[in-house]
All heavy atoms as atom14 arrays in JSON, in Angstrom:
{
  "sequence": "ERAYAALYGLEDAQMAWRRVKIAELKDPVLFKQEYPATAA",
  "atom14_mask": [
    [1, 1, 1, 1, 1, 1, 1, 1, 1, 0, 0, 0, 0, 0],
    [1, 1, 1, 1, 1, 1, 1, 1, 1, 1, 1, 0, 0, 0],
    [1, 1, 1, 1, 1, 0, 0, 0, 0, 0, 0, 0, 0, 0],
    [1, 1, 1, 1, 1, 1, 1, 1, 1, 1, 1, 1, 0, 0],
    [1, 1, 1, 1, 1, 0, 0, 0, 0, 0, 0, 0, 0, 0],
    [1, 1, 1, 1, 1, 0, 0, 0, 0, 0, 0, 0, 0, 0],
    [1, 1, 1, 1, 1, 1, 1, 1, 0, 0, 0, 0, 0, 0],
    [1, 1, 1, 1, 1, 1, 1, 1, 1, 1, 1, 1, 0, 0],
    [1, 1, 1, 1, 0, 0, 0, 0, 0, 0, 0, 0, 0, 0],
    [1, 1, 1, 1, 1, 1, 1, 1, 0, 0, 0, 0, 0, 0],
    [1, 1, 1, 1, 1, 1, 1, 1, 1, 0, 0, 0, 0, 0],
    [1, 1, 1, 1, 1, 1, 1, 1, 0, 0, 0, 0, 0, 0],
    [1, 1, 1, 1, 1, 0, 0, 0, 0, 0, 0, 0, 0, 0],
    [1, 1, 1, 1, 1, 1, 1, 1, 1, 0, 0, 0, 0, 0],
    [1, 1, 1, 1, 1, 1, 1, 1, 0, 0, 0, 0, 0, 0],
    [1, 1, 1, 1, 1, 0, 0, 0, 0, 0, 0, 0, 0, 0],
    [1, 1, 1, 1, 1, 1, 1, 1, 1, 1, 1, 1, 1, 1],
    [1, 1, 1, 1, 1, 1, 1, 1, 1, 1, 1, 0, 0, 0],
    [1, 1, 1, 1, 1, 1, 1, 1, 1, 1, 1, 0, 0, 0],
    [1, 1, 1, 1, 1, 1, 1, 0, 0, 0, 0, 0, 0, 0],
    [1, 1, 1, 1, 1, 1, 1, 1, 1, 0, 0, 0, 0, 0],
    [1, 1, 1, 1, 1, 1, 1, 1, 0, 0, 0, 0, 0, 0],
    [1, 1, 1, 1, 1, 0, 0, 0, 0, 0, 0, 0, 0, 0],
    [1, 1, 1, 1, 1, 1, 1, 1, 1, 0, 0, 0, 0, 0],
    [1, 1, 1, 1, 1, 1, 1, 1, 0, 0, 0, 0, 0, 0],
    [1, 1, 1, 1, 1, 1, 1, 1, 1, 0, 0, 0, 0, 0],
    [1, 1, 1, 1, 1, 1, 1, 1, 0, 0, 0, 0, 0, 0],
    [1, 1, 1, 1, 1, 1, 1, 0, 0, 0, 0, 0, 0, 0],
    [1, 1, 1, 1, 1, 1, 1, 0, 0, 0, 0, 0, 0, 0],
    [1, 1, 1, 1, 1, 1, 1, 1, 0, 0, 0, 0, 0, 0],
    [1, 1, 1, 1, 1, 1, 1, 1, 1, 1, 1, 0, 0, 0],
    [1, 1, 1, 1, 1, 1, 1, 1, 1, 0, 0, 0, 0, 0],
    [1, 1, 1, 1, 1, 1, 1, 1, 1, 0, 0, 0, 0, 0],
    [1, 1, 1, 1, 1, 1, 1, 1, 1, 0, 0, 0, 0, 0],
    [1, 1, 1, 1, 1, 1, 1, 1, 1, 1, 1, 1, 0, 0],
    [1, 1, 1, 1, 1, 1, 1, 0, 0, 0, 0, 0, 0, 0],
    [1, 1, 1, 1, 1, 0, 0, 0, 0, 0, 0, 0, 0, 0],
    [1, 1, 1, 1, 1, 1, 1, 0, 0, 0, 0, 0, 0, 0],
    [1, 1, 1, 1, 1, 0, 0, 0, 0, 0, 0, 0, 0, 0],
    [1, 1, 1, 1, 1, 0, 0, 0, 0, 0, 0, 0, 0, 0]
  ],
  "atom14_positions": [
    [[53.82, 211.55, -96.82], [53.42, 210.19, -97.17], [51.98, 209.91, -96.75], [51.24, 209.23, -97.47], [54.36, 209.19, -96.5], [55.77, 209.18, -97.09], [56.73, 208.3, -96.31], [56.58, 208.23, -95.06], [57.62, 207.69, -96.92], [0.0, 0.0, 0.0], [0.0, 0.0, 0.0], [0.0, 0.0, 0.0], [0.0, 0.0, 0.0], [0.0, 0.0, 0.0]],
    [[51.56, 210.41, -95.61], [50.17, 210.22, -95.18], [49.2, 210.85, -96.17], [48.17, 210.27, -96.52], [49.96, 210.8, -93.78], [50.57, 209.97, -92.66], [50.0, 210.37, -91.3], [50.23, 211.77, -91.0], [51.33, 212.24, -90.41], [52.3, 211.4, -90.05], [51.46, 213.52, -90.15], [0.0, 0.0, 0.0], [0.0, 0.0, 0.0], [0.0, 0.0, 0.0]],
    [[49.55, 212.06, -96.62], [48.69, 212.74, -97.59], [48.63, 211.97, -98.9], [47.56, 211.81, -99.5], [49.2, 214.17, -97.82], [0.0, 0.0, 0.0], [0.0, 0.0, 0.0], [0.0, 0.0, 0.0], [0.0, 0.0, 0.0], [0.0, 0.0, 0.0], [0.0, 0.0, 0.0], [0.0, 0.0, 0.0], [0.0, 0.0, 0.0], [0.0, 0.0, 0.0]],
    [[49.78, 211.47, -99.36], [49.86, 210.71, -100.61], [49.06, 209.42, -100.5], [48.28, 209.07, -101.4], [51.32, 210.42, -100.93], [51.59, 209.8, -102.28], [51.9, 210.59, -103.38], [51.55, 208.41, -102.46], [52.17, 210.02, -104.62], [51.82, 207.84, -103.7], [52.13, 208.65, -104.77], [52.38, 208.08, -105.99], [0.0, 0.0, 0.0], [0.0, 0.0, 0.0]],
    [[49.22, 208.71, -99.4], [48.51, 207.44, -99.21], [47.0, 207.67, -99.15], [46.23, 206.9, -99.74], [48.99, 206.77, -97.92], [0.0, 0.0, 0.0], [0.0, 0.0, 0.0], [0.0, 0.0, 0.0], [0.0, 0.0, 0.0], [0.0, 0.0, 0.0], [0.0, 0.0, 0.0], [0.0, 0.0, 0.0], [0.0, 0.0, 0.0], [0.0, 0.0, 0.0]],
    [[46.58, 208.73, -98.47], [45.15, 209.02, -98.38], [44.6, 209.4, -99.74], [43.46, 209.05, -100.08], [44.92, 210.14, -97.37], [0.0, 0.0, 0.0], [0.0, 0.0, 0.0], [0.0, 0.0, 0.0], [0.0, 0.0, 0.0], [0.0, 0.0, 0.0], [0.0, 0.0, 0.0], [0.0, 0.0, 0.0], [0.0, 0.0, 0.0], [0.0, 0.0, 0.0]],
    [[45.38, 210.12, -100.52], [44.94, 210.59, -101.83], [44.62, 209.44, -102.77], [43.62, 209.47, -103.5], [46.03, 211.49, -102.43], [45.67, 212.32, -103.66], [44.53, 213.27, -103.36], [46.89, 213.09, -104.13], [0.0, 0.0, 0.0], [0.0, 0.0, 0.0], [0.0, 0.0, 0.0], [0.0, 0.0, 0.0], [0.0, 0.0, 0.0], [0.0, 0.0, 0.0]],
    [[45.44, 208.39, -102.74], [45.28, 207.28, -103.69], [44.82, 205.97, -103.03], [44.76, 204.95, -103.69], [46.59, 207.06, -104.45], [47.02, 208.29, -105.2], [48.18, 208.99, -104.84], [46.26, 208.81, -106.25], [48.57, 210.13, -105.52], [46.64, 209.95, -106.93], [47.8, 210.61, -106.56], [48.17, 211.76, -107.22], [0.0, 0.0, 0.0], [0.0, 0.0, 0.0]],
    [[44.51, 206.04, -101.74], [44.0, 204.87, -101.06], [45.02, 203.74, -100.95], [44.68, 202.57, -101.18], [0.0, 0.0, 0.0], [0.0, 0.0, 0.0], [0.0, 0.0, 0.0], [0.0, 0.0, 0.0], [0.0, 0.0, 0.0], [0.0, 0.0, 0.0], [0.0, 0.0, 0.0], [0.0, 0.0, 0.0], [0.0, 0.0, 0.0], [0.0, 0.0, 0.0]],
    [[46.25, 204.07, -100.58], [47.34, 203.1, -100.57], [47.57, 202.52, -99.18], [47.35, 203.19, -98.16], [48.63, 203.74, -101.08], [48.55, 204.39, -102.46], [49.93, 204.89, -102.88], [47.97, 203.44, -103.49], [0.0, 0.0, 0.0], [0.0, 0.0, 0.0], [0.0, 0.0, 0.0], [0.0, 0.0, 0.0], [0.0, 0.0, 0.0], [0.0, 0.0, 0.0]],
    [[48.03, 201.29, -99.13], [48.34, 200.61, -97.89], [49.8, 200.82, -97.5], [50.62, 201.24, -98.32], [48.03, 199.12, -98.03], [46.58, 198.83, -98.38], [46.34, 197.36, -98.7], [47.31, 196.57, -98.6], [45.21, 197.0, -99.04], [0.0, 0.0, 0.0], [0.0, 0.0, 0.0], [0.0, 0.0, 0.0], [0.0, 0.0, 0.0], [0.0, 0.0, 0.0]],
    [[50.13, 200.49, -96.25], [51.49, 200.69, -95.77], [52.51, 199.91, -96.59], [53.63, 200.38, -96.81], [51.6, 200.28, -94.3], [51.07, 201.35, -93.34], [50.68, 202.43, -93.83], [51.05, 201.1, -92.13], [0.0, 0.0, 0.0], [0.0, 0.0, 0.0], [0.0, 0.0, 0.0], [0.0, 0.0, 0.0], [0.0, 0.0, 0.0], [0.0, 0.0, 0.0]],
    [[52.14, 198.72, -97.05], [53.08, 197.92, -97.86], [53.43, 198.63, -99.15], [54.58, 198.57, -99.62], [52.47, 196.55, -98.14], [0.0, 0.0, 0.0], [0.0, 0.0, 0.0], [0.0, 0.0, 0.0], [0.0, 0.0, 0.0], [0.0, 0.0, 0.0], [0.0, 0.0, 0.0], [0.0, 0.0, 0.0], [0.0, 0.0, 0.0], [0.0, 0.0, 0.0]],
    [[52.45, 199.3, -99.76], [52.72, 200.06, -100.98], [53.58, 201.28, -100.68], [54.48, 201.62, -101.45], [51.41, 200.47, -101.63], [50.6, 199.29, -102.17], [49.21, 199.7, -102.59], [48.41, 200.17, -101.77], [48.89, 199.52, -103.86], [0.0, 0.0, 0.0], [0.0, 0.0, 0.0], [0.0, 0.0, 0.0], [0.0, 0.0, 0.0], [0.0, 0.0, 0.0]],
    [[53.32, 201.94, -99.57], [54.09, 203.12, -99.2], [55.52, 202.74, -98.8], [56.46, 203.51, -99.04], [53.39, 203.86, -98.07], [52.05, 204.46, -98.44], [52.14, 205.58, -99.86], [53.19, 206.87, -99.2], [0.0, 0.0, 0.0], [0.0, 0.0, 0.0], [0.0, 0.0, 0.0], [0.0, 0.0, 0.0], [0.0, 0.0, 0.0], [0.0, 0.0, 0.0]],
    [[55.69, 201.58, -98.2], [57.04, 201.12, -97.87], [57.83, 200.87, -99.14], [59.02, 201.21, -99.24], [56.97, 199.85, -97.02], [0.0, 0.0, 0.0], [0.0, 0.0, 0.0], [0.0, 0.0, 0.0], [0.0, 0.0, 0.0], [0.0, 0.0, 0.0], [0.0, 0.0, 0.0], [0.0, 0.0, 0.0], [0.0, 0.0, 0.0], [0.0, 0.0, 0.0]],
    [[57.2, 200.26, -100.13], [57.85, 200.04, -101.43], [58.2, 201.37, -102.07], [59.31, 201.55, -102.6], [56.92, 199.23, -102.33], [57.5, 198.91, -103.67], [58.23, 197.81, -104.0], [57.4, 199.7, -104.87], [58.59, 197.87, -105.33], [58.1, 199.02, -105.89], [56.79, 200.91, -105.18], [58.21, 199.51, -107.17], [56.9, 201.42, -106.47], [57.6, 200.71, -107.45]],
    [[57.28, 202.31, -102.02], [57.52, 203.64, -102.6], [58.71, 204.32, -101.94], [59.56, 204.91, -102.62], [56.27, 204.5, -102.45], [56.43, 205.97, -102.88], [55.12, 206.71, -102.67], [55.2, 208.11, -103.09], [55.42, 209.12, -102.26], [55.6, 208.88, -100.94], [55.46, 210.36, -102.71], [0.0, 0.0, 0.0], [0.0, 0.0, 0.0], [0.0, 0.0, 0.0]],
    [[58.79, 204.23, -100.62], [59.9, 204.87, -99.9], [61.23, 204.29, -100.33], [62.21, 205.04, -100.53], [59.7, 204.71, -98.39], [60.76, 205.42, -97.57], [60.57, 205.16, -96.08], [59.4, 205.82, -95.54], [59.05, 205.76, -94.26], [59.8, 205.02, -93.41], [57.98, 206.39, -93.81], [0.0, 0.0, 0.0], [0.0, 0.0, 0.0], [0.0, 0.0, 0.0]],
    [[61.3, 202.98, -100.5], [62.55, 202.33, -100.92], [62.93, 202.79, -102.33], [64.1, 203.07, -102.61], [62.41, 200.8, -100.87], [63.58, 200.12, -101.57], [62.31, 200.34, -99.42], [0.0, 0.0, 0.0], [0.0, 0.0, 0.0], [0.0, 0.0, 0.0], [0.0, 0.0, 0.0], [0.0, 0.0, 0.0], [0.0, 0.0, 0.0], [0.0, 0.0, 0.0]],
    [[61.94, 202.87, -103.23], [62.23, 203.28, -104.61], [62.72, 204.72, -104.67], [63.63, 205.04, -105.45], [60.98, 203.12, -105.48], [60.75, 201.7, -105.96], [61.88, 201.26, -106.87], [61.74, 199.8, -107.27], [62.88, 199.36, -108.09], [0.0, 0.0, 0.0], [0.0, 0.0, 0.0], [0.0, 0.0, 0.0], [0.0, 0.0, 0.0], [0.0, 0.0, 0.0]],
    [[62.12, 205.6, -103.89], [62.57, 206.99, -103.87], [64.01, 207.07, -103.38], [64.83, 207.83, -103.92], [61.64, 207.85, -102.99], [60.27, 208.01, -103.68], [62.25, 209.22, -102.72], [59.24, 208.73, -102.84], [0.0, 0.0, 0.0], [0.0, 0.0, 0.0], [0.0, 0.0, 0.0], [0.0, 0.0, 0.0], [0.0, 0.0, 0.0], [0.0, 0.0, 0.0]],
    [[64.35, 206.25, -102.39], [65.73, 206.22, -101.89], [66.69, 205.72, -102.97], [67.8, 206.24, -103.12], [65.81, 205.33, -100.65], [0.0, 0.0, 0.0], [0.0, 0.0, 0.0], [0.0, 0.0, 0.0], [0.0, 0.0, 0.0], [0.0, 0.0, 0.0], [0.0, 0.0, 0.0], [0.0, 0.0, 0.0], [0.0, 0.0, 0.0], [0.0, 0.0, 0.0]],
    [[66.26, 204.72, -103.75], [67.1, 204.19, -104.83], [67.31, 205.24, -105.92], [68.42, 205.4, -106.44], [66.46, 202.94, -105.43], [66.48, 201.73, -104.51], [65.74, 200.55, -105.12], [65.18, 200.71, -106.23], [65.71, 199.47, -104.49], [0.0, 0.0, 0.0], [0.0, 0.0, 0.0], [0.0, 0.0, 0.0], [0.0, 0.0, 0.0], [0.0, 0.0, 0.0]],
    [[66.24, 205.94, -106.28], [66.31, 206.93, -107.36], [66.95, 208.24, -106.9], [67.36, 209.06, -107.72], [64.91, 207.2, -107.91], [64.23, 206.03, -108.63], [62.76, 206.33, -108.87], [64.94, 205.72, -109.94], [0.0, 0.0, 0.0], [0.0, 0.0, 0.0], [0.0, 0.0, 0.0], [0.0, 0.0, 0.0], [0.0, 0.0, 0.0], [0.0, 0.0, 0.0]],
    [[66.95, 208.46, -105.57], [67.54, 209.66, -104.96], [66.85, 210.95, -105.4], [67.46, 212.02, -105.4], [69.05, 209.73, -105.27], [69.85, 208.57, -104.72], [71.32, 208.71, -105.06], [72.15, 207.61, -104.39], [71.74, 206.25, -104.79], [0.0, 0.0, 0.0], [0.0, 0.0, 0.0], [0.0, 0.0, 0.0], [0.0, 0.0, 0.0], [0.0, 0.0, 0.0]],
    [[65.56, 210.83, -105.79], [64.84, 212.02, -106.25], [63.34, 211.73, -106.26], [62.87, 210.94, -107.07], [65.3, 212.4, -107.66], [64.71, 213.72, -108.13], [63.78, 214.23, -107.49], [65.17, 214.24, -109.16], [0.0, 0.0, 0.0], [0.0, 0.0, 0.0], [0.0, 0.0, 0.0], [0.0, 0.0, 0.0], [0.0, 0.0, 0.0], [0.0, 0.0, 0.0]],
    [[62.56, 212.35, -105.36], [61.12, 212.11, -105.34], [60.43, 212.48, -106.65], [59.45, 211.84, -107.04], [60.63, 213.0, -104.19], [61.84, 213.25, -103.35], [62.99, 213.26, -104.29], [0.0, 0.0, 0.0], [0.0, 0.0, 0.0], [0.0, 0.0, 0.0], [0.0, 0.0, 0.0], [0.0, 0.0, 0.0], [0.0, 0.0, 0.0], [0.0, 0.0, 0.0]],
    [[60.93, 213.51, -107.33], [60.32, 213.93, -108.59], [60.58, 212.88, -109.67], [59.72, 212.6, -110.5], [60.84, 215.31, -109.03], [60.25, 215.71, -110.38], [60.51, 216.37, -107.98], [0.0, 0.0, 0.0], [0.0, 0.0, 0.0], [0.0, 0.0, 0.0], [0.0, 0.0, 0.0], [0.0, 0.0, 0.0], [0.0, 0.0, 0.0], [0.0, 0.0, 0.0]],
    [[61.78, 212.29, -109.66], [62.07, 211.24, -110.63], [61.18, 210.03, -110.39], [60.76, 209.36, -111.34], [63.54, 210.85, -110.55], [64.04, 209.82, -111.58], [63.78, 210.31, -113.0], [65.53, 209.54, -111.37], [0.0, 0.0, 0.0], [0.0, 0.0, 0.0], [0.0, 0.0, 0.0], [0.0, 0.0, 0.0], [0.0, 0.0, 0.0], [0.0, 0.0, 0.0]],
    [[60.87, 209.73, -109.13], [59.94, 208.64, -108.84], [58.6, 208.9, -109.52], [57.97, 207.99, -110.07], [59.74, 208.48, -107.33], [58.7, 207.45, -106.98], [59.03, 206.11, -106.87], [57.37, 207.81, -106.8], [58.07, 205.15, -106.58], [56.4, 206.86, -106.5], [56.75, 205.53, -106.39], [0.0, 0.0, 0.0], [0.0, 0.0, 0.0], [0.0, 0.0, 0.0]],
    [[58.13, 210.15, -109.48], [56.84, 210.47, -110.08], [56.86, 210.26, -111.6], [55.85, 209.92, -112.2], [56.45, 211.91, -109.75], [56.15, 212.13, -108.28], [55.83, 213.59, -107.99], [55.53, 213.78, -106.52], [55.22, 215.2, -106.2], [0.0, 0.0, 0.0], [0.0, 0.0, 0.0], [0.0, 0.0, 0.0], [0.0, 0.0, 0.0], [0.0, 0.0, 0.0]],
    [[58.03, 210.49, -112.21], [58.14, 210.25, -113.65], [58.18, 208.75, -113.95], [57.51, 208.29, -114.88], [59.4, 210.92, -114.2], [59.65, 210.59, -115.68], [60.88, 211.29, -116.21], [60.84, 212.47, -116.52], [61.99, 210.56, -116.32], [0.0, 0.0, 0.0], [0.0, 0.0, 0.0], [0.0, 0.0, 0.0], [0.0, 0.0, 0.0], [0.0, 0.0, 0.0]],
    [[58.96, 208.01, -113.17], [59.14, 206.58, -113.43], [57.96, 205.75, -112.94], [57.64, 204.71, -113.52], [60.42, 206.1, -112.75], [61.69, 206.77, -113.26], [62.0, 206.4, -114.7], [62.2, 205.22, -114.97], [62.01, 207.31, -115.55], [0.0, 0.0, 0.0], [0.0, 0.0, 0.0], [0.0, 0.0, 0.0], [0.0, 0.0, 0.0], [0.0, 0.0, 0.0]],
    [[57.32, 206.2, -111.87], [56.19, 205.48, -111.27], [55.06, 206.47, -110.96], [54.79, 206.78, -109.8], [56.63, 204.75, -110.0], [57.74, 203.76, -110.22], [59.07, 204.1, -109.98], [57.46, 202.47, -110.68], [60.09, 203.19, -110.19], [58.49, 201.55, -110.89], [59.79, 201.92, -110.65], [60.82, 201.01, -110.86], [0.0, 0.0, 0.0], [0.0, 0.0, 0.0]],
    [[54.41, 206.98, -111.98], [53.4, 208.03, -111.76], [52.1, 207.49, -111.19], [51.7, 206.36, -111.46], [53.19, 208.6, -113.17], [53.48, 207.43, -114.08], [54.59, 206.67, -113.41], [0.0, 0.0, 0.0], [0.0, 0.0, 0.0], [0.0, 0.0, 0.0], [0.0, 0.0, 0.0], [0.0, 0.0, 0.0], [0.0, 0.0, 0.0], [0.0, 0.0, 0.0]],
    [[51.44, 208.34, -110.42], [50.1, 208.04, -109.93], [49.04, 208.65, -110.82], [47.9, 208.2, -110.84], [49.94, 208.55, -108.49], [0.0, 0.0, 0.0], [0.0, 0.0, 0.0], [0.0, 0.0, 0.0], [0.0, 0.0, 0.0], [0.0, 0.0, 0.0], [0.0, 0.0, 0.0], [0.0, 0.0, 0.0], [0.0, 0.0, 0.0], [0.0, 0.0, 0.0]],
    [[49.41, 209.7, -111.57], [48.52, 210.33, -112.54], [49.34, 210.68, -113.78], [50.57, 210.79, -113.71], [47.88, 211.62, -112.0], [48.9, 212.62, -111.82], [47.16, 211.38, -110.67], [0.0, 0.0, 0.0], [0.0, 0.0, 0.0], [0.0, 0.0, 0.0], [0.0, 0.0, 0.0], [0.0, 0.0, 0.0], [0.0, 0.0, 0.0], [0.0, 0.0, 0.0]],
    [[48.66, 210.9, -114.89], [49.36, 211.27, -116.12], [50.05, 212.62, -115.97], [51.18, 212.81, -116.42], [48.38, 211.3, -117.29], [0.0, 0.0, 0.0], [0.0, 0.0, 0.0], [0.0, 0.0, 0.0], [0.0, 0.0, 0.0], [0.0, 0.0, 0.0], [0.0, 0.0, 0.0], [0.0, 0.0, 0.0], [0.0, 0.0, 0.0], [0.0, 0.0, 0.0]],
    [[49.37, 213.57, -115.33], [49.97, 214.89, -115.14], [51.24, 214.79, -114.3], [52.22, 215.5, -114.54], [48.96, 215.83, -114.49], [0.0, 0.0, 0.0], [0.0, 0.0, 0.0], [0.0, 0.0, 0.0], [0.0, 0.0, 0.0], [0.0, 0.0, 0.0], [0.0, 0.0, 0.0], [0.0, 0.0, 0.0], [0.0, 0.0, 0.0], [0.0, 0.0, 0.0]]
  ]
}
């Protein structure tokens, strides 16, 4: 998470939201598809 936050300049509030969403989706890769940071 520290690496991800540093990469995109994200605040703790955004990372807390991301953590909750990953828990809901039960798959970090699915989070990247549903909420991508880049097109790739």
